[in-house]
Amino acid sequence: MYYRFFYAHKMLTIQFIRDSKETILEGLKIKNFKQPELIDQLISKDNERRSLQVKTNELQAEMNRLSKEIGVLFKSGEAEKANKVKEQTTAIKKEVESLEKAFQDSSVDLNNLLVQIPNVPHPSVPPGNTEADNKLIREGGAMPELDENALPHWELGTKYRLIDFELGVKITGAGFPVFRGDGARLQRALISWFLEENTAAGYEEILPPLMVNEDSGFGTGQLPDKEGQMYHVTEDNLYLIPTAEVPVTNIYRDVILDAEELPIKNTAYTPCFRREAGSHGKDVRGLNRVHQFDKVEIVQIQHPSNSYAALDEMVKHVEKLIISLGLPYRIVQLCGGDLSFTSALTYDFEVYSAAQKRWLEVSSVSNFEAYQANRLKLRFREAGEKRPILAHTLNGSSLALPRIMAAVLENNQTPDGIKLPEVLHKYMGKGKEIIR
């Protein structure tokens, strides 16, 4: 995978929008953005703000000039003239205060418009509206041959006493499964293995909070775009995290790094919480869609010149994990209509669920370029340079457990039990290579 390097133009600052209006509109058309008129509104609001700033500067300059004149008049004994000029400065000062208030209000309006504009997709992103328009990059792994009476994971979970969906409904509600016995142990084994593989690849492990404030949600783009999908603790105005990406990336909010510190690579395991509404049927049954789930995440803060090479590296890392689990998989590049609000380019990993006879998404690996960094004020400074530059941020699931768990259980079932992938044996303990 090779990408044209054009990071200097890929940050949705108001100046970039002014300079590259047509480029942005073309990109947002690929992303099926429904409000292109916001771009003209943004530019108009920025013109208003700039006009207010110019007028304020002119009046402040006039005040400074009159202040000097007052001093000269008092020194020359012309007190009456001096007092009249003071009255002028008082009137100008009130006008400046009014203009500064209007400027602040205009800036708030401008920001409210800016946060409604999604990231511009990378030029390689294919057009399209649904997952059917996504581009297949490659696939691998052998399809398992299962008995015709093979069970889906929700029945295997009951048969082997691994997952209790009804108990989860009793305790909390639908979408909150209870893992028990070897099911809980298998979850822990997957988490431990993912973390060890990630740290061996140079990622520093982080154990972050599971709730974040509004600034953190805004910084990575969950707010205001996905507010309805997040669980909100109203009394404290905190949000349960939908992914570890949010707290981990926000470690670097309002930070200026040295270029020598890049890249920064972090990994984190957390429970994740999402209020996604789901329909009924097999597509969302069992672990296919849940409201609380475990996930291991990888995050990178990168120099813009290296972010797409880093994206390739992350894709290969996730691919290696899936290959080691022995799961048939495919990698697809998301089309414009399937891209998230903040992403410039995303690859999804899907594994084949043999008992359900369908593909299950288990990871998204994305480059946000400077979009999140612009909201986070995450910058770095080159040696010898005074002006800091926006960094690039990337993240990926490495991996999300529910559908990985589903595929591992379904694809490895035999008449003798569920044979677990060899890489998990040491984490499961002696005699647990097969769940009987």
Protein backbone atom coordinates (compact mmCIF):
# COMPACT_ATOMS: atom_id res chain seq x y z
CA MET A 1 0.00 0.00 0.00
CA TYR A 2 1.45 3.34 -1.04
CA TYR A 3 -0.12 6.74 -0.54
CA ARG A 4 0.58 10.18 -1.92
CA PHE A 5 1.92 12.34 0.88
CA PHE A 6 -0.14 15.48 1.28
CA TYR A 7 -0.49 16.01 5.01
CA ALA A 8 0.22 19.73 4.88
CA HIS A 9 -3.20 20.21 3.29
CA LYS A 10 -5.19 17.77 5.41
CA MET A 11 -6.19 19.57 8.55
CA LEU A 12 -9.65 21.06 8.72
CA THR A 13 -8.61 24.43 10.03
CA ILE A 14 -10.59 27.41 8.81
CA GLN A 15 -7.59 28.55 6.76
CA PHE A 16 -7.44 25.23 4.93
CA ILE A 17 -11.18 25.42 4.26
CA ARG A 18 -10.77 28.94 2.83
CA ASP A 19 -7.80 27.95 0.68
CA SER A 20 -9.14 24.60 -0.55
CA LYS A 21 -12.92 24.92 -0.65
CA GLU A 22 -13.44 22.95 -3.88
CA THR A 23 -11.04 20.17 -2.83
CA ILE A 24 -12.90 19.78 0.45
CA LEU A 25 -16.32 19.75 -1.21
CA GLU A 26 -15.15 17.02 -3.61
CA GLY A 27 -13.82 14.96 -0.71
CA LEU A 28 -16.97 15.41 1.36
CA LYS A 29 -19.04 14.32 -1.65
CA ILE A 30 -17.15 10.98 -1.52
CA LYS A 31 -18.08 10.79 2.16
CA ASN A 32 -21.73 11.51 1.30
CA PHE A 33 -21.78 14.60 3.48
CA LYS A 34 -25.34 15.95 3.44
CA GLN A 35 -24.66 19.58 4.39
CA PRO A 36 -22.17 21.07 1.90
CA GLU A 37 -23.76 24.48 2.49
CA LEU A 38 -21.98 24.55 5.86
CA ILE A 39 -18.72 25.29 4.04
CA ASP A 40 -20.07 28.59 2.66
CA GLN A 41 -21.59 29.38 6.05
CA LEU A 42 -18.19 28.78 7.65
CA ILE A 43 -16.41 31.10 5.26
CA SER A 44 -19.09 33.77 5.69
CA LYS A 45 -18.85 33.53 9.48
CA ASP A 46 -15.06 33.73 9.29
CA ASN A 47 -15.34 36.85 7.09
CA GLU A 48 -17.58 38.38 9.74
CA ARG A 49 -15.12 37.47 12.48
CA ARG A 50 -12.15 38.86 10.53
CA SER A 51 -14.05 42.10 9.85
CA LEU A 52 -14.76 42.48 13.57
CA GLN A 53 -11.10 41.86 14.35
CA VAL A 54 -9.94 44.46 11.81
CA LYS A 55 -12.36 47.07 13.15
CA THR A 56 -11.33 46.31 16.73
CA ASN A 57 -7.64 46.69 15.83
CA GLU A 58 -8.32 49.99 14.08
CA LEU A 59 -10.20 51.37 17.08
CA GLN A 60 -7.52 50.18 19.50
CA ALA A 61 -4.90 51.91 17.36
CA GLU A 62 -7.03 55.06 17.43
CA MET A 63 -7.31 54.81 21.23
CA ASN A 64 -3.55 54.52 21.53
CA ARG A 65 -3.07 57.56 19.32
CA LEU A 66 -5.58 59.62 21.33
CA SER A 67 -4.00 58.53 24.63
CA LYS A 68 -0.68 59.98 23.46
CA GLU A 69 -2.47 63.16 22.34
CA ILE A 70 -4.07 63.52 25.78
CA GLY A 71 -0.67 63.39 27.42
CA VAL A 72 0.69 66.06 25.07
CA LEU A 73 -2.34 68.32 25.69
CA PHE A 74 -2.07 68.06 29.47
CA LYS A 75 1.64 68.86 29.31
CA SER A 76 0.95 71.96 27.21
CA GLY A 77 -1.73 73.15 29.67
CA GLU A 78 -4.68 72.47 27.37
CA ALA A 79 -6.72 70.59 29.97
CA GLU A 80 -10.11 71.36 28.40
CA LYS A 81 -9.05 69.92 25.04
CA ALA A 82 -7.50 66.96 26.80
CA ASN A 83 -10.73 66.16 28.65
CA LYS A 84 -12.72 66.30 25.40
CA VAL A 85 -10.31 63.82 23.82
CA LYS A 86 -10.69 61.62 26.93
CA GLU A 87 -14.43 61.55 26.31
CA GLN A 88 -13.69 60.29 22.79
CA THR A 89 -11.49 57.51 24.14
CA THR A 90 -14.20 56.49 26.62
CA ALA A 91 -16.72 56.16 23.77
CA ILE A 92 -14.22 54.22 21.66
CA LYS A 93 -13.45 51.92 24.59
CA LYS A 94 -17.14 51.02 24.91
CA GLU A 95 -17.31 50.33 21.18
CA VAL A 96 -14.20 48.11 21.42
CA GLU A 97 -15.78 46.15 24.27
CA SER A 98 -18.92 45.66 22.17
CA LEU A 99 -16.84 44.52 19.18
CA GLU A 100 -14.81 42.11 21.33
CA LYS A 101 -18.04 40.57 22.64
CA ALA A 102 -19.32 40.24 19.05
CA PHE A 103 -15.98 38.67 18.06
CA GLN A 104 -16.23 36.09 20.85
CA ASP A 105 -19.81 35.25 19.87
CA SER A 106 -18.78 34.94 16.23
CA SER A 107 -15.88 32.64 17.20
CA VAL A 108 -18.27 30.38 19.13
CA ASP A 109 -20.60 30.24 16.11
CA LEU A 110 -17.63 29.43 13.88
CA ASN A 111 -16.52 26.57 16.12
CA ASN A 112 -20.08 25.22 16.26
CA LEU A 113 -20.02 25.04 12.47
CA LEU A 114 -16.51 23.57 12.30
CA VAL A 115 -17.36 20.60 14.54
CA GLN A 116 -20.11 19.60 12.10
CA ILE A 117 -17.62 19.12 9.26
CA PRO A 118 -16.19 15.56 9.06
CA ASN A 119 -12.66 14.69 8.06
CA VAL A 120 -11.91 14.72 4.34
CA PRO A 121 -11.25 11.19 3.00
CA HIS A 122 -7.92 10.16 1.53
CA PRO A 123 -7.87 10.22 -2.32
CA SER A 124 -7.72 6.41 -2.42
CA VAL A 125 -11.09 6.04 -0.64
CA PRO A 126 -13.63 4.56 -3.07
CA PRO A 127 -17.05 6.20 -3.48
CA GLY A 128 -20.09 4.36 -2.18
CA ASN A 129 -22.80 4.35 0.45
CA THR A 130 -22.78 0.95 2.12
CA GLU A 131 -20.47 -1.92 3.05
CA ALA A 132 -21.28 -3.48 -0.33
CA ASP A 133 -19.18 -0.69 -1.88
CA ASN A 134 -16.12 -1.42 0.26
CA LYS A 135 -12.99 -2.55 -1.58
CA LEU A 136 -11.55 -6.01 -0.89
CA ILE A 137 -7.80 -5.69 -0.24
CA ARG A 138 -6.91 -9.30 0.49
CA GLU A 139 -8.10 -12.43 2.26
CA GLY A 140 -6.45 -15.39 3.88
CA GLY A 141 -6.86 -18.43 6.09
CA ALA A 142 -8.55 -21.72 5.38
CA MET A 143 -12.31 -22.13 5.76
CA PRO A 144 -13.10 -24.73 8.43
CA GLU A 145 -15.18 -27.75 7.52
CA LEU A 146 -17.80 -28.20 10.17
CA ASP A 147 -20.36 -30.89 10.79
CA GLU A 148 -23.79 -30.06 9.42
CA ASN A 149 -25.04 -29.93 13.00
CA ALA A 150 -22.49 -27.30 14.01
CA LEU A 151 -23.80 -24.83 16.58
CA PRO A 152 -23.59 -21.03 16.63
CA HIS A 153 -21.64 -19.52 19.51
CA TRP A 154 -24.72 -18.62 21.57
CA GLU A 155 -25.67 -22.31 21.70
CA LEU A 156 -22.07 -23.39 22.28
CA GLY A 157 -21.88 -20.88 25.14
CA THR A 158 -24.83 -22.56 26.81
CA LYS A 159 -23.74 -26.13 26.02
CA TYR A 160 -20.26 -25.67 27.51
CA ARG A 161 -21.37 -23.21 30.22
CA LEU A 162 -19.16 -20.42 28.83
CA ILE A 163 -21.60 -17.53 28.31
CA ASP A 164 -24.90 -16.82 30.02
CA PHE A 165 -26.97 -14.34 28.06
CA GLU A 166 -30.11 -14.72 30.16
CA LEU A 167 -28.22 -14.01 33.37
CA GLY A 168 -26.88 -10.83 31.78
CA VAL A 169 -30.45 -9.76 30.99
CA LYS A 170 -31.43 -10.41 34.60
CA ILE A 171 -28.54 -8.43 36.05
CA THR A 172 -28.50 -5.53 33.58
CA GLY A 173 -30.37 -6.04 30.31
CA ALA A 174 -29.92 -7.29 26.75
CA GLY A 175 -26.43 -6.81 25.36
CA PHE A 176 -24.60 -7.45 28.65
CA PRO A 177 -23.50 -11.12 28.59
CA VAL A 178 -22.01 -12.91 31.58
CA PHE A 179 -18.87 -15.00 30.87
CA ARG A 180 -18.20 -17.79 33.32
CA GLY A 181 -15.79 -20.67 33.87
CA ASP A 182 -13.74 -21.44 30.78
CA GLY A 183 -15.58 -18.66 28.94
CA ALA A 184 -14.23 -16.06 31.37
CA ARG A 185 -10.83 -17.73 31.24
CA LEU A 186 -10.82 -17.64 27.44
CA GLN A 187 -11.64 -13.91 27.51
CA ARG A 188 -8.71 -13.34 29.87
CA ALA A 189 -6.43 -15.49 27.70
CA LEU A 190 -7.25 -13.48 24.57
CA ILE A 191 -6.70 -10.17 26.38
CA SER A 192 -3.36 -11.30 27.81
CA TRP A 193 -2.14 -12.62 24.47
CA PHE A 194 -3.18 -9.50 22.58
CA LEU A 195 -1.42 -7.25 25.10
CA GLU A 196 1.77 -9.32 25.05
CA GLU A 197 1.87 -9.29 21.25
CA ASN A 198 1.29 -5.54 21.20
CA THR A 199 3.95 -4.73 23.77
CA ALA A 200 6.40 -7.01 21.92
CA ALA A 201 5.72 -4.84 18.85
CA GLY A 202 6.80 -1.72 20.74
CA TYR A 203 3.52 -0.47 22.20
CA GLU A 204 3.59 0.83 25.76
CA GLU A 205 0.73 -0.59 27.83
CA ILE A 206 -1.69 1.92 29.38
CA LEU A 207 -4.49 1.25 31.86
CA PRO A 208 -6.74 4.31 31.44
CA PRO A 209 -9.94 5.47 33.17
CA LEU A 210 -13.20 4.04 31.85
CA MET A 211 -14.97 7.41 31.96
CA VAL A 212 -13.99 10.64 30.23
CA ASN A 213 -15.06 14.26 30.35
CA GLU A 214 -16.58 16.31 27.52
CA ASP A 215 -13.23 17.72 26.41
CA SER A 216 -11.87 14.21 25.88
CA GLY A 217 -14.95 13.13 23.94
CA PHE A 218 -14.69 16.23 21.78
CA GLY A 219 -10.95 15.79 21.20
CA THR A 220 -11.25 12.40 19.49
CA GLY A 221 -14.50 13.27 17.72
CA GLN A 222 -17.05 11.18 19.66
CA LEU A 223 -18.72 14.42 20.73
CA PRO A 224 -20.91 15.81 19.38
CA ASP A 225 -21.09 13.24 16.55
CA LYS A 226 -21.77 10.07 18.57
CA GLU A 227 -23.30 11.50 21.74
CA GLY A 228 -26.37 9.28 21.38
CA GLN A 229 -24.22 6.14 21.34
CA MET A 230 -22.38 6.93 24.57
CA TYR A 231 -23.54 6.19 28.10
CA HIS A 232 -23.70 9.48 29.99
CA VAL A 233 -23.29 9.84 33.77
CA THR A 234 -25.43 12.95 34.02
CA GLU A 235 -24.72 14.01 37.60
CA ASP A 236 -20.97 14.19 36.99
CA ASN A 237 -21.21 14.95 33.25
CA LEU A 238 -18.90 12.06 32.38
CA TYR A 239 -19.13 9.53 29.56
CA LEU A 240 -18.36 5.80 29.65
CA ILE A 241 -15.75 5.13 26.99
CA PRO A 242 -16.81 3.50 23.69
CA THR A 243 -13.17 2.48 23.08
CA ALA A 244 -9.76 2.91 24.73
CA GLU A 245 -8.84 5.19 21.83
CA VAL A 246 -10.61 8.06 23.63
CA PRO A 247 -8.70 8.18 26.96
CA VAL A 248 -5.39 7.03 25.46
CA THR A 249 -5.31 9.61 22.66
CA ASN A 250 -6.37 12.31 25.12
CA ILE A 251 -3.20 11.70 27.13
CA TYR A 252 -1.64 14.00 24.50
CA ARG A 253 -4.34 16.69 24.44
CA ASP A 254 -2.88 20.22 24.71
CA VAL A 255 0.64 18.81 24.44
CA ILE A 256 3.57 19.98 22.31
CA LEU A 257 5.99 17.10 21.72
CA ASP A 258 9.52 17.14 20.37
CA ALA A 259 9.84 15.50 16.95
CA GLU A 260 12.38 13.09 18.50
CA GLU A 261 9.60 11.68 20.72
CA LEU A 262 7.68 10.41 17.70
CA PRO A 263 6.32 7.90 17.10
CA ILE A 264 4.42 7.29 20.32
CA LYS A 265 2.82 3.83 20.45
CA ASN A 266 0.35 2.82 23.16
CA THR A 267 -1.84 -0.20 23.76
CA ALA A 268 -4.66 -0.59 26.27
CA TYR A 269 -7.21 -3.15 27.36
CA THR A 270 -10.55 -1.78 28.54
CA PRO A 271 -14.17 -2.73 28.72
CA CYS A 272 -16.09 -0.62 26.18
CA PHE A 273 -19.65 0.66 26.33
CA ARG A 274 -21.92 1.51 23.39
CA ARG A 275 -25.63 2.25 23.35
CA GLU A 276 -26.03 1.13 19.72
CA ALA A 277 -29.62 0.28 18.93
CA GLY A 278 -29.92 -3.13 17.33
CA SER A 279 -32.59 -4.95 15.39
CA HIS A 280 -33.63 -8.51 16.02
CA GLY A 281 -32.36 -11.65 14.29
CA LYS A 282 -29.18 -13.64 13.88
CA ASP A 283 -27.11 -10.67 12.68
CA VAL A 284 -27.22 -9.13 16.15
CA ARG A 285 -27.73 -12.30 18.20
CA GLY A 286 -25.36 -13.48 20.92
CA LEU A 287 -22.00 -11.69 20.81
CA ASN A 288 -22.58 -10.19 17.37
CA ARG A 289 -23.70 -6.93 18.93
CA VAL A 290 -23.45 -6.10 22.62
CA HIS A 291 -23.47 -2.94 24.72
CA GLN A 292 -20.52 -3.86 26.94
CA PHE A 293 -17.51 -5.69 25.52
CA ASP A 294 -13.77 -6.10 26.02
CA LYS A 295 -11.29 -4.75 23.51
CA VAL A 296 -7.55 -4.25 23.22
CA GLU A 297 -6.61 -1.10 21.31
CA ILE A 298 -3.43 0.20 19.67
CA VAL A 299 -2.87 3.94 19.24
CA GLN A 300 -0.07 5.80 17.48
CA ILE A 301 0.94 9.47 17.48
CA GLN A 302 2.95 9.90 14.31
CA HIS A 303 4.97 12.39 12.31
CA PRO A 304 2.75 13.27 9.32
CA SER A 305 5.40 12.11 6.87
CA ASN A 306 5.23 8.59 8.32
CA SER A 307 1.56 8.11 9.21
CA TYR A 308 0.61 6.01 6.18
CA ALA A 309 3.64 3.77 6.58
CA ALA A 310 2.50 3.38 10.21
CA LEU A 311 -1.01 2.52 9.03
CA ASP A 312 0.41 -0.28 6.88
CA GLU A 313 2.44 -1.51 9.85
CA MET A 314 -0.67 -1.57 12.07
CA VAL A 315 -2.66 -3.45 9.43
CA LYS A 316 0.08 -6.10 9.17
CA HIS A 317 0.23 -6.39 12.97
CA VAL A 318 -3.51 -7.03 13.29
CA GLU A 319 -3.39 -9.43 10.35
CA LYS A 320 -0.63 -11.42 12.10
CA LEU A 321 -2.82 -11.80 15.21
CA ILE A 322 -5.75 -13.14 13.20
CA ILE A 323 -3.50 -15.54 11.27
CA SER A 324 -2.09 -16.83 14.57
CA LEU A 325 -5.62 -17.57 15.76
CA GLY A 326 -6.16 -19.65 12.62
CA LEU A 327 -9.23 -17.70 11.53
CA PRO A 328 -10.22 -17.15 7.89
CA TYR A 329 -10.23 -13.40 7.30
CA ARG A 330 -10.49 -10.61 4.80
CA ILE A 331 -9.37 -6.98 4.81
CA VAL A 332 -11.55 -4.34 3.20
CA GLN A 333 -10.96 -0.64 2.61
CA LEU A 334 -14.05 1.31 3.63
CA CYS A 335 -15.85 3.39 1.01
CA GLY A 336 -16.67 7.03 1.64
CA GLY A 337 -20.16 6.40 2.98
CA ASP A 338 -18.92 3.77 5.43
CA LEU A 339 -16.07 5.89 6.87
CA SER A 340 -16.40 7.30 10.37
CA PHE A 341 -16.80 11.04 10.95
CA THR A 342 -13.14 11.48 11.95
CA SER A 343 -11.34 8.99 9.70
CA ALA A 344 -9.43 9.79 6.51
CA LEU A 345 -8.85 6.11 5.66
CA THR A 346 -9.98 2.91 7.39
CA TYR A 347 -9.35 -0.80 6.87
CA ASP A 348 -11.79 -3.25 8.42
CA PHE A 349 -10.85 -6.82 9.32
CA GLU A 350 -13.56 -9.45 9.10
CA VAL A 351 -13.34 -13.08 10.19
CA TYR A 352 -15.55 -15.84 8.87
CA SER A 353 -18.02 -17.37 11.28
CA ALA A 354 -18.45 -20.91 9.98
CA ALA A 355 -21.53 -21.82 12.02
CA GLN A 356 -23.33 -18.59 11.10
CA LYS A 357 -21.92 -18.64 7.55
CA ARG A 358 -21.21 -14.93 7.60
CA TRP A 359 -18.37 -12.43 7.98
CA LEU A 360 -17.95 -10.65 11.31
CA GLU A 361 -16.08 -7.35 11.68
CA VAL A 362 -13.43 -7.66 14.43
CA SER A 363 -11.16 -4.66 13.86
CA SER A 364 -10.98 -1.22 12.28
CA VAL A 365 -7.56 0.34 11.68
CA SER A 366 -7.71 4.04 10.83
CA ASN A 367 -5.59 7.07 10.05
CA PHE A 368 -7.21 10.31 11.20
CA GLU A 369 -4.31 12.39 9.83
CA ALA A 370 -4.40 15.80 11.60
CA TYR A 371 -8.17 15.85 12.21
CA GLN A 372 -8.15 14.64 15.82
CA ALA A 373 -4.87 16.44 16.54
CA ASN A 374 -6.43 19.73 15.46
CA ARG A 375 -9.27 19.23 17.95
CA LEU A 376 -6.86 17.99 20.64
CA LYS A 377 -4.27 20.73 20.02
CA LEU A 378 -1.76 17.88 19.78
CA ARG A 379 1.39 19.24 18.16
CA PHE A 380 5.11 18.60 17.85
CA ARG A 381 8.09 20.81 17.14
CA GLU A 382 10.92 20.00 14.75
CA ALA A 383 14.44 20.63 16.05
CA GLY A 384 15.39 24.26 15.53
CA GLU A 385 11.84 25.30 14.58
CA LYS A 386 9.74 27.70 16.65
CA ARG A 387 6.32 26.93 15.22
CA PRO A 388 4.78 23.57 16.24
CA ILE A 389 3.04 21.31 13.69
CA LEU A 390 -0.07 19.16 14.13
CA ALA A 391 0.73 15.48 14.61
CA HIS A 392 -1.17 12.59 13.00
CA THR A 393 -3.17 10.10 15.07
CA LEU A 394 -3.99 6.48 14.25
CA ASN A 395 -5.72 3.67 16.08
CA GLY A 396 -6.90 0.12 15.61
CA SER A 397 -8.63 -2.74 17.41
CA SER A 398 -6.08 -5.34 18.33
CA LEU A 399 -8.53 -6.95 18.83
CA ALA A 400 -12.22 -6.61 19.76
CA LEU A 401 -13.16 -9.71 21.71
CA PRO A 402 -16.87 -10.52 21.22
CA ARG A 403 -16.77 -11.54 17.55
CA ILE A 404 -13.27 -13.01 17.86
CA MET A 405 -14.63 -15.13 20.70
CA ALA A 406 -17.64 -16.10 18.56
CA ALA A 407 -15.44 -17.17 15.63
CA VAL A 408 -12.94 -19.04 17.82
CA LEU A 409 -15.75 -21.05 19.44
CA GLU A 410 -17.68 -21.77 16.25
CA ASN A 411 -14.79 -22.54 13.92
CA ASN A 412 -13.00 -24.86 16.34
CA GLN A 413 -15.90 -27.03 17.51
CA THR A 414 -15.50 -30.78 17.17
CA PRO A 415 -17.38 -33.80 18.52
CA ASP A 416 -14.77 -33.92 21.32
CA GLY A 417 -15.08 -30.27 22.34
CA ILE A 418 -13.75 -26.90 21.27
CA LYS A 419 -10.05 -27.07 20.29
CA LEU A 420 -8.45 -23.76 21.14
CA PRO A 421 -5.72 -22.07 19.02
CA GLU A 422 -2.23 -23.06 20.12
CA VAL A 423 -1.21 -19.46 20.95
CA LEU A 424 -3.77 -19.46 23.78
CA HIS A 425 -2.77 -22.73 25.42
CA LYS A 426 -0.28 -21.29 27.90
CA TYR A 427 -2.84 -18.70 29.02
CA MET A 428 -5.59 -21.26 29.52
CA GLY A 429 -3.55 -23.63 31.68
CA LYS A 430 -2.81 -27.33 31.52
CA GLY A 431 -5.65 -29.48 30.31
CA LYS A 432 -7.52 -26.53 28.87
CA GLU A 433 -6.35 -26.90 25.29
CA ILE A 434 -9.78 -28.32 24.58
CA ILE A 435 -12.96 -27.05 26.20
CA ARG A 436 -15.00 -30.21 26.84
